[in-house]
N, C-alpha and C. Protein backbone atom coordinates (compact mmCIF):
# COMPACT_ATOMS: atom_id res chain seq x y z
N MET A 1 21.05 7.99 58.44
CA MET A 1 20.12 8.49 59.45
C MET A 1 19.48 9.80 59.00
N ALA A 2 20.29 10.74 58.51
CA ALA A 2 19.77 12.03 58.07
C ALA A 2 18.82 11.86 56.89
N ALA A 3 19.10 10.91 56.03
CA ALA A 3 18.24 10.67 54.86
C ALA A 3 16.87 10.15 55.31
N SER A 4 16.85 9.31 56.32
CA SER A 4 15.56 8.79 56.79
C SER A 4 14.74 9.87 57.47
N ILE A 5 15.40 10.78 58.18
CA ILE A 5 14.69 11.89 58.81
C ILE A 5 14.10 12.81 57.74
N ARG A 6 14.88 13.08 56.70
CA ARG A 6 14.37 13.91 55.60
C ARG A 6 13.19 13.23 54.91
N PHE A 7 13.27 11.93 54.73
CA PHE A 7 12.18 11.19 54.09
C PHE A 7 10.91 11.26 54.94
N ILE A 8 11.04 11.04 56.23
CA ILE A 8 9.88 11.10 57.13
C ILE A 8 9.28 12.50 57.13
N THR A 9 10.12 13.52 57.16
CA THR A 9 9.64 14.90 57.11
C THR A 9 8.89 15.16 55.82
N LEU A 10 9.42 14.70 54.71
CA LEU A 10 8.76 14.88 53.41
C LEU A 10 7.40 14.19 53.39
N VAL A 11 7.32 12.98 53.90
CA VAL A 11 6.05 12.24 53.95
C VAL A 11 5.02 12.98 54.79
N LEU A 12 5.44 13.50 55.94
CA LEU A 12 4.52 14.23 56.81
C LEU A 12 4.04 15.53 56.15
N VAL A 13 4.92 16.23 55.49
CA VAL A 13 4.53 17.46 54.80
C VAL A 13 3.55 17.16 53.68
N LEU A 14 3.83 16.14 52.88
CA LEU A 14 2.92 15.78 51.79
C LEU A 14 1.57 15.31 52.31
N ALA A 15 1.57 14.57 53.41
CA ALA A 15 0.29 14.13 53.99
C ALA A 15 -0.53 15.32 54.46
N CYS A 16 0.12 16.29 55.04
CA CYS A 16 -0.60 17.47 55.51
C CYS A 16 -1.11 18.30 54.34
N LEU A 17 -0.32 18.42 53.29
CA LEU A 17 -0.76 19.19 52.13
C LEU A 17 -1.98 18.58 51.46
N THR A 18 -2.10 17.27 51.49
CA THR A 18 -3.24 16.63 50.83
C THR A 18 -4.43 16.46 51.75
N GLY A 19 -4.24 16.53 53.07
CA GLY A 19 -5.35 16.25 53.95
C GLY A 19 -5.64 17.29 55.02
N CYS A 20 -4.85 18.33 55.11
CA CYS A 20 -5.04 19.32 56.16
C CYS A 20 -5.73 20.56 55.59
N ASP A 21 -6.80 20.96 56.20
CA ASP A 21 -7.49 22.18 55.80
C ASP A 21 -6.99 23.33 56.65
N SER A 22 -7.03 24.51 56.08
CA SER A 22 -6.74 25.70 56.87
C SER A 22 -7.88 25.90 57.85
N GLU A 23 -7.66 26.74 58.83
CA GLU A 23 -8.71 27.01 59.81
C GLU A 23 -9.94 27.62 59.14
N ARG A 24 -9.72 28.52 58.17
CA ARG A 24 -10.83 29.14 57.45
C ARG A 24 -11.65 28.09 56.70
N VAL A 25 -10.98 27.16 56.04
CA VAL A 25 -11.69 26.12 55.29
C VAL A 25 -12.46 25.22 56.25
N SER A 26 -11.84 24.86 57.37
CA SER A 26 -12.51 24.02 58.36
C SER A 26 -13.77 24.69 58.91
N VAL A 27 -13.68 26.00 59.18
CA VAL A 27 -14.84 26.74 59.70
C VAL A 27 -15.95 26.76 58.65
N ALA A 28 -15.60 27.01 57.40
CA ALA A 28 -16.59 27.05 56.33
C ALA A 28 -17.26 25.69 56.15
N LYS A 29 -16.47 24.63 56.16
CA LYS A 29 -17.04 23.27 56.00
C LYS A 29 -17.98 22.95 57.16
N ALA A 30 -17.58 23.29 58.37
CA ALA A 30 -18.44 23.02 59.53
C ALA A 30 -19.74 23.79 59.43
N ALA A 31 -19.67 25.03 58.96
CA ALA A 31 -20.89 25.83 58.81
C ALA A 31 -21.79 25.27 57.72
N VAL A 32 -21.20 24.75 56.65
CA VAL A 32 -22.00 24.11 55.60
C VAL A 32 -22.68 22.87 56.17
N ARG A 33 -21.91 22.05 56.89
CA ARG A 33 -22.48 20.83 57.49
C ARG A 33 -23.66 21.17 58.40
N ASP A 34 -23.55 22.26 59.15
CA ASP A 34 -24.61 22.67 60.07
C ASP A 34 -25.92 23.00 59.35
N GLN A 35 -25.84 23.33 58.07
CA GLN A 35 -27.03 23.67 57.30
C GLN A 35 -27.73 22.43 56.72
N MET A 36 -27.10 21.27 56.83
CA MET A 36 -27.61 20.07 56.17
C MET A 36 -28.43 19.19 57.10
N ARG A 37 -29.30 18.43 56.50
CA ARG A 37 -30.17 17.51 57.24
C ARG A 37 -29.37 16.42 57.95
N ASP A 38 -28.35 15.88 57.26
CA ASP A 38 -27.51 14.82 57.82
C ASP A 38 -26.05 15.27 57.74
N PRO A 39 -25.58 16.04 58.73
CA PRO A 39 -24.23 16.61 58.66
C PRO A 39 -23.12 15.57 58.53
N GLY A 40 -23.33 14.39 59.04
CA GLY A 40 -22.30 13.35 58.97
C GLY A 40 -22.12 12.75 57.59
N ALA A 41 -23.07 12.98 56.70
CA ALA A 41 -23.01 12.39 55.36
C ALA A 41 -22.62 13.39 54.28
N VAL A 42 -22.19 14.57 54.68
CA VAL A 42 -21.83 15.62 53.72
C VAL A 42 -20.49 15.29 53.06
N GLU A 43 -20.43 15.49 51.75
CA GLU A 43 -19.20 15.29 50.99
C GLU A 43 -18.79 16.62 50.36
N PHE A 44 -17.49 16.87 50.30
CA PHE A 44 -16.96 18.09 49.67
C PHE A 44 -16.02 17.72 48.54
N ARG A 45 -15.94 18.62 47.56
CA ARG A 45 -14.92 18.49 46.51
C ARG A 45 -14.58 19.88 45.98
N ASN A 46 -13.40 19.96 45.39
CA ASN A 46 -12.92 21.20 44.76
C ASN A 46 -12.95 22.40 45.72
N VAL A 47 -12.63 22.18 46.98
CA VAL A 47 -12.64 23.26 47.97
C VAL A 47 -11.29 23.98 47.93
N ARG A 48 -11.36 25.29 47.84
CA ARG A 48 -10.13 26.08 47.82
C ARG A 48 -10.37 27.43 48.50
N ASP A 49 -9.30 27.96 49.03
CA ASP A 49 -9.32 29.25 49.71
C ASP A 49 -8.49 30.22 48.88
N THR A 50 -9.13 31.21 48.30
CA THR A 50 -8.43 32.18 47.46
C THR A 50 -7.82 33.32 48.29
N GLY A 51 -8.10 33.32 49.59
CA GLY A 51 -7.67 34.41 50.45
C GLY A 51 -8.81 35.38 50.71
N GLU A 52 -9.69 35.54 49.74
CA GLU A 52 -10.85 36.41 49.90
C GLU A 52 -12.14 35.60 50.05
N VAL A 53 -12.18 34.45 49.43
CA VAL A 53 -13.39 33.63 49.44
C VAL A 53 -13.00 32.16 49.46
N ILE A 54 -13.83 31.37 50.12
CA ILE A 54 -13.66 29.91 50.10
C ILE A 54 -14.73 29.37 49.18
N CYS A 55 -14.30 28.61 48.19
CA CYS A 55 -15.21 28.08 47.17
C CYS A 55 -15.13 26.56 47.17
N GLY A 56 -16.22 25.96 46.75
CA GLY A 56 -16.21 24.52 46.62
C GLY A 56 -17.57 24.00 46.22
N GLU A 57 -17.69 22.68 46.29
CA GLU A 57 -18.95 22.02 45.99
C GLU A 57 -19.27 21.06 47.13
N VAL A 58 -20.55 20.91 47.41
CA VAL A 58 -20.99 20.07 48.51
C VAL A 58 -22.10 19.15 48.03
N ASN A 59 -22.09 17.92 48.52
CA ASN A 59 -23.13 16.94 48.23
C ASN A 59 -23.70 16.48 49.56
N ALA A 60 -25.01 16.45 49.66
CA ALA A 60 -25.65 16.07 50.92
C ALA A 60 -26.87 15.20 50.63
N LYS A 61 -27.38 14.59 51.66
CA LYS A 61 -28.55 13.72 51.51
C LYS A 61 -29.84 14.51 51.70
N ASN A 62 -30.87 14.08 50.97
CA ASN A 62 -32.19 14.68 51.13
C ASN A 62 -32.98 13.91 52.19
N GLY A 63 -34.24 14.22 52.34
CA GLY A 63 -35.08 13.59 53.35
C GLY A 63 -35.30 12.10 53.14
N PHE A 64 -35.06 11.62 51.92
CA PHE A 64 -35.21 10.20 51.62
C PHE A 64 -33.91 9.42 51.78
N GLY A 65 -32.84 10.12 52.15
CA GLY A 65 -31.56 9.47 52.36
C GLY A 65 -30.71 9.34 51.11
N ALA A 66 -31.13 9.95 50.01
CA ALA A 66 -30.37 9.89 48.76
C ALA A 66 -29.55 11.16 48.59
N TYR A 67 -28.37 11.00 48.02
CA TYR A 67 -27.56 12.19 47.72
C TYR A 67 -28.20 12.98 46.59
N VAL A 68 -28.14 14.30 46.69
CA VAL A 68 -28.81 15.18 45.72
C VAL A 68 -27.90 15.63 44.60
N GLY A 69 -26.62 15.40 44.71
CA GLY A 69 -25.66 15.86 43.71
C GLY A 69 -24.91 17.07 44.23
N PHE A 70 -23.73 17.27 43.68
CA PHE A 70 -22.88 18.37 44.16
C PHE A 70 -23.46 19.71 43.77
N ARG A 71 -23.47 20.61 44.75
CA ARG A 71 -23.94 21.99 44.57
C ARG A 71 -22.82 22.93 44.99
N PRO A 72 -22.70 24.06 44.32
CA PRO A 72 -21.65 25.00 44.69
C PRO A 72 -21.94 25.69 46.02
N PHE A 73 -20.88 26.08 46.71
CA PHE A 73 -21.01 26.92 47.90
C PHE A 73 -19.84 27.90 47.93
N TYR A 74 -20.04 28.99 48.64
CA TYR A 74 -18.96 29.95 48.86
C TYR A 74 -19.14 30.60 50.21
N ALA A 75 -18.01 31.04 50.76
CA ALA A 75 -18.01 31.73 52.05
C ALA A 75 -17.01 32.86 51.96
N THR A 76 -17.41 34.03 52.42
CA THR A 76 -16.53 35.19 52.35
C THR A 76 -16.26 35.71 53.76
N GLY A 77 -15.31 36.59 53.87
CA GLY A 77 -14.99 37.20 55.15
C GLY A 77 -13.76 36.61 55.79
N ALA A 78 -13.28 37.28 56.80
CA ALA A 78 -12.07 36.83 57.49
C ALA A 78 -12.32 35.54 58.25
N TYR A 79 -13.53 35.36 58.73
CA TYR A 79 -13.88 34.14 59.46
C TYR A 79 -15.18 33.62 58.86
N PRO A 80 -15.09 32.77 57.84
CA PRO A 80 -16.25 32.41 57.00
C PRO A 80 -17.21 31.43 57.65
N SER A 81 -17.93 31.89 58.65
CA SER A 81 -18.83 30.99 59.38
C SER A 81 -20.27 31.04 58.86
N ARG A 82 -20.52 31.82 57.81
CA ARG A 82 -21.86 31.88 57.23
C ARG A 82 -21.79 31.67 55.72
N PRO A 83 -21.48 30.44 55.30
CA PRO A 83 -21.36 30.18 53.87
C PRO A 83 -22.71 30.17 53.17
N LYS A 84 -22.68 30.37 51.89
CA LYS A 84 -23.88 30.33 51.06
C LYS A 84 -23.82 29.07 50.22
N VAL A 85 -24.77 28.16 50.44
CA VAL A 85 -24.91 26.98 49.59
C VAL A 85 -25.91 27.36 48.51
N VAL A 86 -25.49 27.24 47.26
CA VAL A 86 -26.30 27.69 46.14
C VAL A 86 -27.35 26.64 45.80
N ARG A 87 -28.60 27.03 45.89
CA ARG A 87 -29.70 26.14 45.50
C ARG A 87 -29.86 26.20 43.99
N GLU A 88 -30.38 25.13 43.41
CA GLU A 88 -30.47 25.06 41.95
C GLU A 88 -31.40 26.11 41.35
N ASP A 89 -32.31 26.65 42.13
CA ASP A 89 -33.23 27.65 41.61
C ASP A 89 -32.83 29.09 41.97
N ASP A 90 -31.63 29.26 42.49
CA ASP A 90 -31.16 30.58 42.92
C ASP A 90 -30.13 31.12 41.92
N ASP A 91 -30.62 31.74 40.86
CA ASP A 91 -29.75 32.22 39.79
C ASP A 91 -28.79 33.31 40.27
N ARG A 92 -29.24 34.16 41.16
CA ARG A 92 -28.40 35.25 41.66
C ARG A 92 -27.21 34.70 42.45
N ALA A 93 -27.46 33.74 43.33
CA ALA A 93 -26.38 33.15 44.11
C ALA A 93 -25.41 32.39 43.21
N TYR A 94 -25.95 31.73 42.19
CA TYR A 94 -25.08 31.01 41.25
C TYR A 94 -24.20 32.00 40.48
N ALA A 95 -24.75 33.13 40.09
CA ALA A 95 -23.96 34.15 39.40
C ALA A 95 -22.86 34.69 40.33
N ASN A 96 -23.18 34.87 41.60
CA ASN A 96 -22.18 35.30 42.58
C ASN A 96 -21.07 34.27 42.70
N TRP A 97 -21.45 32.99 42.77
CA TRP A 97 -20.46 31.92 42.88
C TRP A 97 -19.54 31.92 41.67
N LEU A 98 -20.13 32.07 40.48
CA LEU A 98 -19.31 32.10 39.27
C LEU A 98 -18.34 33.28 39.29
N ALA A 99 -18.83 34.44 39.72
CA ALA A 99 -17.99 35.63 39.73
C ALA A 99 -16.85 35.50 40.77
N LEU A 100 -17.14 34.90 41.91
CA LEU A 100 -16.17 34.81 42.97
C LEU A 100 -15.21 33.63 42.83
N CYS A 101 -15.68 32.55 42.24
CA CYS A 101 -14.96 31.28 42.33
C CYS A 101 -14.39 30.76 41.00
N ARG A 102 -14.75 31.33 39.91
CA ARG A 102 -14.25 30.78 38.63
C ARG A 102 -13.11 31.54 38.13
């Protein structure tokens, strides 16, 4: 009986570690989605919270309904509700992302 309880606890912990975002990450993702044309179709990858900044990549659809490819984003502050999605022509923002996230 005790072994099955430990197994269930382990499964729940592992499931949360792979699928649960911190509140800061959830706030940042929601704010990124709010900036997109089709918030329901937004994809994220490589999202991490360093404690000072939330970094990751986001893929979204353009006006024609096609995905544009993953673009870097970052959010700073204690409550990261104003993330910066780096546009491909914004060299300064990309340099900031590299400095903060790499």
